[in-house]
């Protein structure tokens, strides 16, 4: 049976010269017909923990004082069957050799996004992809991404990937969830431990999933799917 899914994408340290070693792309996806109810659940969690309904769930806001709330969000994600997450981890951007592959960093960026999403997308379903606005070049980049994804699926009429659209994260609850999960995966892969609340969230997601968060999971894992990318070895 054909279904439509929304995919909410975000990224961490994706720029070429940001002096960050680890890059993470991530996506939360859910059935379209469940999205409105999931957003209500997310807002209810905020209010249950004394936060305004429009409080923005963000990894950079994680603190000891709000740890109970963030822990509750992880429990909600893990126990809600309509929520799924996939992340693609690039452990060391310094290993990239764009010249050898005759590509720009932007070319590689699209290839990597394709690697993130192509595992999620099935030809029998329809998808609407929403990406957090990052910079003024966003519209041109998502048009290119839509083209790359559609061509890979032979979806020249764009009936499988219906849209790729920029949105603002503070307006979209499930994009905020993607930001949190990406932050946790990124923190684990950077081996950081300076923020006790963030360490607690890394450990909680490890306990819930049974994964260390620094290794590739099975390809068909559809709750918490991780892929640790590595560059092609030189001939």
Foldseek 3Di string as FASTA:
>chain_A
DAFEKEKEKEKDPLDLPPPDFKIKIKIKMFTPVCQVVVLVVLLVLQVVQPHHSLDFQAQVPQAPVCLVSVLVLLVCLLPDVRIWMEMEMALGSVPDDCVVVVHDSLVVVLVVVCVGCVLVFDQRYAYEYEYEDDDPCVVVSQVVSLVVNCVVVVNPVRRRHVYYYYDHRSVGSVNSVRNNVRSLLRCLSVVDDPGPSSVVSVVSNCVSPVDSSNDADPSPPTHYGYHYDDDDDDD
